[in-house]
Amino acid sequence: MLCSHVDKLFDQGLITFDDKGQIMRSKHLPISLLQKIGIPDNSKLLFRNLTDKNKKTEILEYMKYHREKIFKK
């Protein structure tokens, strides 16, 4: 689950995450804005508590879709 301000950036395609959970910032989102709202450029999603392999696979598939179709590179 993402914080509301992070979720909004994600929904708008301004950030996404790679398969290791590392944040990826759109070139349309200034790094200064991330810093202003307290999101370090090296932020990561943690999958360690996600023990259901099917759910993890589902999330990783969605992340791939998000990177390819929604993320504004």
PDB file of N, CA and C in Angstrom:
ATOM      1  N   MET A   1       0.849  -1.169   0.000  1.00  0.00           N
ATOM      2  CA  MET A   1       0.000   0.000   0.000  1.00  0.00           C
ATOM      3  C   MET A   1       0.899   1.238   0.000  1.00  0.00           C
ATOM      4  N   LEU A   2       0.527   2.214  -0.815  1.00  0.00           N
ATOM      5  CA  LEU A   2       1.301   3.440  -0.932  1.00  0.00           C
ATOM      6  C   LEU A   2       0.629   4.574  -0.166  1.00  0.00           C
ATOM      7  N   CYS A   3       1.435   5.500   0.349  1.00  0.00           N
ATOM      8  CA  CYS A   3       0.891   6.722   0.947  1.00  0.00           C
ATOM      9  C   CYS A   3       0.126   7.474  -0.128  1.00  0.00           C
ATOM     10  N   SER A   4      -0.831   8.282   0.272  1.00  0.00           N
ATOM     11  CA  SER A   4      -1.700   8.941  -0.706  1.00  0.00           C
ATOM     12  C   SER A   4      -0.933   9.813  -1.696  1.00  0.00           C
ATOM     13  N   HIS A   5       0.078  10.550  -1.244  1.00  0.00           N
ATOM     14  CA  HIS A   5       0.816  11.413  -2.169  1.00  0.00           C
ATOM     15  C   HIS A   5       1.669  10.596  -3.138  1.00  0.00           C
ATOM     16  N   VAL A   6       2.185   9.470  -2.694  1.00  0.00           N
ATOM     17  CA  VAL A   6       2.954   8.582  -3.574  1.00  0.00           C
ATOM     18  C   VAL A   6       2.002   7.885  -4.544  1.00  0.00           C
ATOM     19  N   ASP A   7       0.858   7.465  -4.042  1.00  0.00           N
ATOM     20  CA  ASP A   7      -0.145   6.806  -4.882  1.00  0.00           C
ATOM     21  C   ASP A   7      -0.613   7.728  -6.009  1.00  0.00           C
ATOM     22  N   LYS A   8      -0.794   8.998  -5.697  1.00  0.00           N
ATOM     23  CA  LYS A   8      -1.237   9.960  -6.718  1.00  0.00           C
ATOM     24  C   LYS A   8      -0.188  10.092  -7.823  1.00  0.00           C
ATOM     25  N   LEU A   9       1.085  10.188  -7.449  1.00  0.00           N
ATOM     26  CA  LEU A   9       2.160  10.264  -8.449  1.00  0.00           C
ATOM     27  C   LEU A   9       2.204   8.990  -9.284  1.00  0.00           C
ATOM     28  N   PHE A  10       1.994   7.850  -8.637  1.00  0.00           N
ATOM     29  CA  PHE A  10       1.974   6.556  -9.325  1.00  0.00           C
ATOM     30  C   PHE A  10       0.810   6.504 -10.313  1.00  0.00           C
ATOM     31  N   ASP A  11      -0.378   6.891  -9.857  1.00  0.00           N
ATOM     32  CA  ASP A  11      -1.565   6.879 -10.721  1.00  0.00           C
ATOM     33  C   ASP A  11      -1.410   7.803 -11.924  1.00  0.00           C
ATOM     34  N   GLN A  12      -0.703   8.910 -11.733  1.00  0.00           N
ATOM     35  CA  GLN A  12      -0.493   9.869 -12.820  1.00  0.00           C
ATOM     36  C   GLN A  12       0.655   9.456 -13.747  1.00  0.00           C
ATOM     37  N   GLY A  13       1.328   8.365 -13.421  1.00  0.00           N
ATOM     38  CA  GLY A  13       2.430   7.895 -14.254  1.00  0.00           C
ATOM     39  C   GLY A  13       3.718   8.671 -14.060  1.00  0.00           C
ATOM     40  N   LEU A  14       3.814   9.418 -12.969  1.00  0.00           N
ATOM     41  CA  LEU A  14       5.010  10.216 -12.722  1.00  0.00           C
ATOM     42  C   LEU A  14       6.090   9.443 -11.981  1.00  0.00           C
ATOM     43  N   ILE A  15       5.700   8.368 -11.322  1.00  0.00           N
ATOM     44  CA  ILE A  15       6.662   7.434 -10.737  1.00  0.00           C
ATOM     45  C   ILE A  15       6.173   6.021 -11.026  1.00  0.00           C
ATOM     46  N   THR A  16       7.102   5.103 -10.986  1.00  0.00           N
ATOM     47  CA  THR A  16       6.783   3.684 -11.061  1.00  0.00           C
ATOM     48  C   THR A  16       7.886   2.950 -10.315  1.00  0.00           C
ATOM     49  N   PHE A  17       7.870   1.633 -10.360  1.00  0.00           N
ATOM     50  CA  PHE A  17       8.860   0.843  -9.635  1.00  0.00           C
ATOM     51  C   PHE A  17       9.349  -0.286 -10.524  1.00  0.00           C
ATOM     52  N   ASP A  18      10.649  -0.594 -10.416  1.00  0.00           N
ATOM     53  CA  ASP A  18      11.185  -1.720 -11.177  1.00  0.00           C
ATOM     54  C   ASP A  18      10.870  -3.028 -10.450  1.00  0.00           C
ATOM     55  N   ASP A  19      11.328  -4.143 -11.011  1.00  0.00           N
ATOM     56  CA  ASP A  19      11.007  -5.455 -10.430  1.00  0.00           C
ATOM     57  C   ASP A  19      11.641  -5.686  -9.060  1.00  0.00           C
ATOM     58  N   LYS A  20      12.616  -4.870  -8.692  1.00  0.00           N
ATOM     59  CA  LYS A  20      13.229  -4.986  -7.368  1.00  0.00           C
ATOM     60  C   LYS A  20      12.628  -3.985  -6.388  1.00  0.00           C
ATOM     61  N   GLY A  21      11.627  -3.219  -6.864  1.00  0.00           N
ATOM     62  CA  GLY A  21      10.948  -2.259  -5.997  1.00  0.00           C
ATOM     63  C   GLY A  21      11.556  -0.870  -6.007  1.00  0.00           C
ATOM     64  N   GLN A  22      12.622  -0.666  -6.775  1.00  0.00           N
ATOM     65  CA  GLN A  22      13.287   0.640  -6.833  1.00  0.00           C
ATOM     66  C   GLN A  22      12.399   1.661  -7.545  1.00  0.00           C
ATOM     67  N   ILE A  23      12.266   2.834  -6.945  1.00  0.00           N
ATOM     68  CA  ILE A  23      11.456   3.892  -7.552  1.00  0.00           C
ATOM     69  C   ILE A  23      12.101   4.370  -8.853  1.00  0.00           C
ATOM     70  N   MET A  24      11.260   4.669  -9.823  1.00  0.00           N
ATOM     71  CA  MET A  24      11.695   5.247 -11.093  1.00  0.00           C
ATOM     72  C   MET A  24      10.907   6.539 -11.271  1.00  0.00           C
ATOM     73  N   ARG A  25      11.606   7.626 -11.525  1.00  0.00           N
ATOM     74  CA  ARG A  25      10.985   8.946 -11.641  1.00  0.00           C
ATOM     75  C   ARG A  25      10.871   9.347 -13.103  1.00  0.00           C
ATOM     76  N   SER A  26       9.706   9.835 -13.479  1.00  0.00           N
ATOM     77  CA  SER A  26       9.494  10.353 -14.825  1.00  0.00           C
ATOM     78  C   SER A  26      10.332  11.607 -15.029  1.00  0.00           C
ATOM     79  N   LYS A  27      10.769  11.823 -16.258  1.00  0.00           N
ATOM     80  CA  LYS A  27      11.500  13.062 -16.556  1.00  0.00           C
ATOM     81  C   LYS A  27      10.587  14.282 -16.411  1.00  0.00           C
ATOM     82  N   HIS A  28       9.285  14.049 -16.333  1.00  0.00           N
ATOM     83  CA  HIS A  28       8.311  15.128 -16.159  1.00  0.00           C
ATOM     84  C   HIS A  28       8.121  15.512 -14.689  1.00  0.00           C
ATOM     85  N   LEU A  29       8.775  14.794 -13.795  1.00  0.00           N
ATOM     86  CA  LEU A  29       8.662  15.059 -12.357  1.00  0.00           C
ATOM     87  C   LEU A  29      10.017  15.529 -11.833  1.00  0.00           C
ATOM     88  N   PRO A  30      10.119  16.796 -11.461  1.00  0.00           N
ATOM     89  CA  PRO A  30      11.395  17.294 -10.943  1.00  0.00           C
ATOM     90  C   PRO A  30      11.792  16.569  -9.655  1.00  0.00           C
ATOM     91  N   ILE A  31      13.068  16.231  -9.554  1.00  0.00           N
ATOM     92  CA  ILE A  31      13.556  15.563  -8.347  1.00  0.00           C
ATOM     93  C   ILE A  31      13.306  16.448  -7.126  1.00  0.00           C
ATOM     94  N   SER A  32      13.322  17.759  -7.329  1.00  0.00           N
ATOM     95  CA  SER A  32      13.087  18.687  -6.217  1.00  0.00           C
ATOM     96  C   SER A  32      11.693  18.504  -5.619  1.00  0.00           C
ATOM     97  N   LEU A  33      10.710  18.149  -6.446  1.00  0.00           N
ATOM     98  CA  LEU A  33       9.357  17.913  -5.928  1.00  0.00           C
ATOM     99  C   LEU A  33       9.334  16.653  -5.066  1.00  0.00           C
ATOM    100  N   LEU A  34      10.012  15.604  -5.516  1.00  0.00           N
ATOM    101  CA  LEU A  34      10.097  14.386  -4.696  1.00  0.00           C
ATOM    102  C   LEU A  34      10.721  14.708  -3.347  1.00  0.00           C
ATOM    103  N   GLN A  35      11.809  15.454  -3.374  1.00  0.00           N
ATOM    104  CA  GLN A  35      12.495  15.812  -2.133  1.00  0.00           C
ATOM    105  C   GLN A  35      11.599  16.678  -1.247  1.00  0.00           C
ATOM    106  N   LYS A  36      10.861  17.585  -1.866  1.00  0.00           N
ATOM    107  CA  LYS A  36       9.982  18.488  -1.113  1.00  0.00           C
ATOM    108  C   LYS A  36       8.908  17.722  -0.346  1.00  0.00           C
ATOM    109  N   ILE A  37       8.408  16.635  -0.935  1.00  0.00           N
ATOM    110  CA  ILE A  37       7.367  15.858  -0.242  1.00  0.00           C
ATOM    111  C   ILE A  37       7.949  14.675   0.532  1.00  0.00           C
ATOM    112  N   GLY A  38       9.286  14.647   0.642  1.00  0.00           N
ATOM    113  CA  GLY A  38       9.940  13.678   1.512  1.00  0.00           C
ATOM    114  C   GLY A  38      10.140  12.291   0.937  1.00  0.00           C
ATOM    115  N   ILE A  39      10.235  12.201  -0.385  1.00  0.00           N
ATOM    116  CA  ILE A  39      10.462  10.900  -1.016  1.00  0.00           C
ATOM    117  C   ILE A  39      11.897  10.853  -1.531  1.00  0.00           C
ATOM    118  N   PRO A  40      12.766  10.085  -0.891  1.00  0.00           N
ATOM    119  CA  PRO A  40      14.144   9.970  -1.377  1.00  0.00           C
ATOM    120  C   PRO A  40      14.177   9.329  -2.766  1.00  0.00           C
ATOM    121  N   ASP A  41      15.112   9.774  -3.599  1.00  0.00           N
ATOM    122  CA  ASP A  41      15.229   9.259  -4.962  1.00  0.00           C
ATOM    123  C   ASP A  41      15.595   7.772  -4.977  1.00  0.00           C
ATOM    124  N   ASN A  42      16.061   7.249  -3.851  1.00  0.00           N
ATOM    125  CA  ASN A  42      16.439   5.831  -3.781  1.00  0.00           C
ATOM    126  C   ASN A  42      15.395   4.991  -3.039  1.00  0.00           C
ATOM    127  N   SER A  43      14.154   5.471  -2.982  1.00  0.00           N
ATOM    128  CA  SER A  43      13.083   4.743  -2.290  1.00  0.00           C
ATOM    129  C   SER A  43      12.818   3.395  -2.950  1.00  0.00           C
ATOM    130  N   LYS A  44      12.409   2.433  -2.129  1.00  0.00           N
ATOM    131  CA  LYS A  44      12.098   1.095  -2.632  1.00  0.00           C
ATOM    132  C   LYS A  44      10.821   0.578  -1.992  1.00  0.00           C
ATOM    133  N   LEU A  45      10.080  -0.205  -2.774  1.00  0.00           N
ATOM    134  CA  LEU A  45       8.982  -0.992  -2.215  1.00  0.00           C
ATOM    135  C   LEU A  45       9.601  -2.240  -1.611  1.00  0.00           C
ATOM    136  N   LEU A  46       9.110  -2.659  -0.476  1.00  0.00           N
ATOM    137  CA  LEU A  46       9.635  -3.867   0.152  1.00  0.00           C
ATOM    138  C   LEU A  46       8.668  -5.019  -0.074  1.00  0.00           C
ATOM    139  N   PHE A  47       9.165  -6.056  -0.701  1.00  0.00           N
ATOM    140  CA  PHE A  47       8.351  -7.235  -0.984  1.00  0.00           C
ATOM    141  C   PHE A  47       8.575  -8.346   0.039  1.00  0.00           C
ATOM    142  N   ARG A  48       9.432  -8.126   1.024  1.00  0.00           N
ATOM    143  CA  ARG A  48       9.811  -9.209   1.936  1.00  0.00           C
ATOM    144  C   ARG A  48       8.638  -9.752   2.752  1.00  0.00           C
ATOM    145  N   ASN A  49       7.632  -8.935   3.001  1.00  0.00           N
ATOM    146  CA  ASN A  49       6.471  -9.405   3.763  1.00  0.00           C
ATOM    147  C   ASN A  49       5.418 -10.058   2.881  1.00  0.00           C
ATOM    148  N   LEU A  50       5.667 -10.068   1.590  1.00  0.00           N
ATOM    149  CA  LEU A  50       4.733 -10.659   0.644  1.00  0.00           C
ATOM    150  C   LEU A  50       5.153 -12.108   0.409  1.00  0.00           C
ATOM    151  N   THR A  51       4.568 -13.014   1.185  1.00  0.00           N
ATOM    152  CA  THR A  51       4.987 -14.410   1.130  1.00  0.00           C
ATOM    153  C   THR A  51       4.197 -15.233   0.125  1.00  0.00           C
ATOM    154  N   ASP A  52       3.045 -14.744  -0.296  1.00  0.00           N
ATOM    155  CA  ASP A  52       2.230 -15.448  -1.287  1.00  0.00           C
ATOM    156  C   ASP A  52       2.843 -15.227  -2.670  1.00  0.00           C
ATOM    157  N   LYS A  53       3.444 -16.280  -3.232  1.00  0.00           N
ATOM    158  CA  LYS A  53       4.149 -16.150  -4.516  1.00  0.00           C
ATOM    159  C   LYS A  53       3.212 -15.759  -5.648  1.00  0.00           C
ATOM    160  N   ASN A  54       1.978 -16.238  -5.618  1.00  0.00           N
ATOM    161  CA  ASN A  54       1.020 -15.870  -6.660  1.00  0.00           C
ATOM    162  C   ASN A  54       0.711 -14.373  -6.611  1.00  0.00           C
ATOM    163  N   LYS A  55       0.545 -13.846  -5.407  1.00  0.00           N
ATOM    164  CA  LYS A  55       0.255 -12.420  -5.251  1.00  0.00           C
ATOM    165  C   LYS A  55       1.454 -11.591  -5.696  1.00  0.00           C
ATOM    166  N   LYS A  56       2.658 -12.034  -5.330  1.00  0.00           N
ATOM    167  CA  LYS A  56       3.866 -11.312  -5.735  1.00  0.00           C
ATOM    168  C   LYS A  56       3.986 -11.307  -7.259  1.00  0.00           C
ATOM    169  N   THR A  57       3.717 -12.438  -7.892  1.00  0.00           N
ATOM    170  CA  THR A  57       3.763 -12.526  -9.351  1.00  0.00           C
ATOM    171  C   THR A  57       2.751 -11.571  -9.968  1.00  0.00           C
ATOM    172  N   GLU A  58       1.567 -11.530  -9.396  1.00  0.00           N
ATOM    173  CA  GLU A  58       0.511 -10.634  -9.886  1.00  0.00           C
ATOM    174  C   GLU A  58       0.942  -9.166  -9.780  1.00  0.00           C
ATOM    175  N   ILE A  59       1.546  -8.806  -8.667  1.00  0.00           N
ATOM    176  CA  ILE A  59       2.011  -7.430  -8.470  1.00  0.00           C
ATOM    177  C   ILE A  59       3.125  -7.094  -9.455  1.00  0.00           C
ATOM    178  N   LEU A  60       4.078  -8.007  -9.634  1.00  0.00           N
ATOM    179  CA  LEU A  60       5.175  -7.756 -10.570  1.00  0.00           C
ATOM    180  C   LEU A  60       4.669  -7.630 -12.002  1.00  0.00           C
ATOM    181  N   GLU A  61       3.664  -8.414 -12.365  1.00  0.00           N
ATOM    182  CA  GLU A  61       3.077  -8.297 -13.700  1.00  0.00           C
ATOM    183  C   GLU A  61       2.396  -6.941 -13.868  1.00  0.00           C
ATOM    184  N   TYR A  62       1.711  -6.481 -12.827  1.00  0.00           N
ATOM    185  CA  TYR A  62       1.075  -5.168 -12.914  1.00  0.00           C
ATOM    186  C   TYR A  62       2.127  -4.058 -12.999  1.00  0.00           C
ATOM    187  N   MET A  63       3.202  -4.192 -12.238  1.00  0.00           N
ATOM    188  CA  MET A  63       4.268  -3.186 -12.289  1.00  0.00           C
ATOM    189  C   MET A  63       4.853  -3.098 -13.701  1.00  0.00           C
ATOM    190  N   LYS A  64       5.019  -4.233 -14.343  1.00  0.00           N
ATOM    191  CA  LYS A  64       5.526  -4.239 -15.720  1.00  0.00           C
ATOM    192  C   LYS A  64       4.542  -3.506 -16.628  1.00  0.00           C
ATOM    193  N   TYR A  65       3.267  -3.808 -16.495  1.00  0.00           N
ATOM    194  CA  TYR A  65       2.227  -3.125 -17.270  1.00  0.00           C
ATOM    195  C   TYR A  65       2.286  -1.615 -17.006  1.00  0.00           C
ATOM    196  N   HIS A  66       2.398  -1.239 -15.740  1.00  0.00           N
ATOM    197  CA  HIS A  66       2.439   0.174 -15.369  1.00  0.00           C
ATOM    198  C   HIS A  66       3.643   0.865 -16.015  1.00  0.00           C
ATOM    199  N   ARG A  67       4.808   0.218 -15.970  1.00  0.00           N
ATOM    200  CA  ARG A  67       6.002   0.813 -16.584  1.00  0.00           C
ATOM    201  C   ARG A  67       5.840   0.991 -18.088  1.00  0.00           C
ATOM    202  N   GLU A  68       5.199   0.021 -18.733  1.00  0.00           N
ATOM    203  CA  GLU A  68       5.089   0.041 -20.191  1.00  0.00           C
ATOM    204  C   GLU A  68       3.940   0.902 -20.706  1.00  0.00           C
ATOM    205  N   LYS A  69       2.839   0.991 -19.975  1.00  0.00           N
ATOM    206  CA  LYS A  69       1.631   1.640 -20.497  1.00  0.00           C
ATOM    207  C   LYS A  69       1.232   2.941 -19.795  1.00  0.00           C
ATOM    208  N   ILE A  70       1.615   3.116 -18.550  1.00  0.00           N
ATOM    209  CA  ILE A  70       1.144   4.267 -17.782  1.00  0.00           C
ATOM    210  C   ILE A  70       2.273   5.253 -17.466  1.00  0.00           C
ATOM    211  N   PHE A  71       3.429   4.729 -17.150  1.00  0.00           N
ATOM    212  CA  PHE A  71       4.573   5.554 -16.760  1.00  0.00           C
ATOM    213  C   PHE A  71       4.963   6.507 -17.880  1.00  0.00           C
ATOM    214  N   LYS A  72       5.135   7.767 -17.528  1.00  0.00           N
ATOM    215  CA  LYS A  72       5.540   8.804 -18.493  1.00  0.00           C
ATOM    216  C   LYS A  72       7.056   8.933 -18.451  1.00  0.00           C
ATOM    217  N   LYS A  73       7.702   8.270 -19.378  1.00  0.00           N
ATOM    218  CA  LYS A  73       9.175   8.218 -19.388  1.00  0.00           C
ATOM    219  C   LYS A  73       9.842   9.547 -19.597  1.00  0.00           C
TER     220      LYS A  73
END
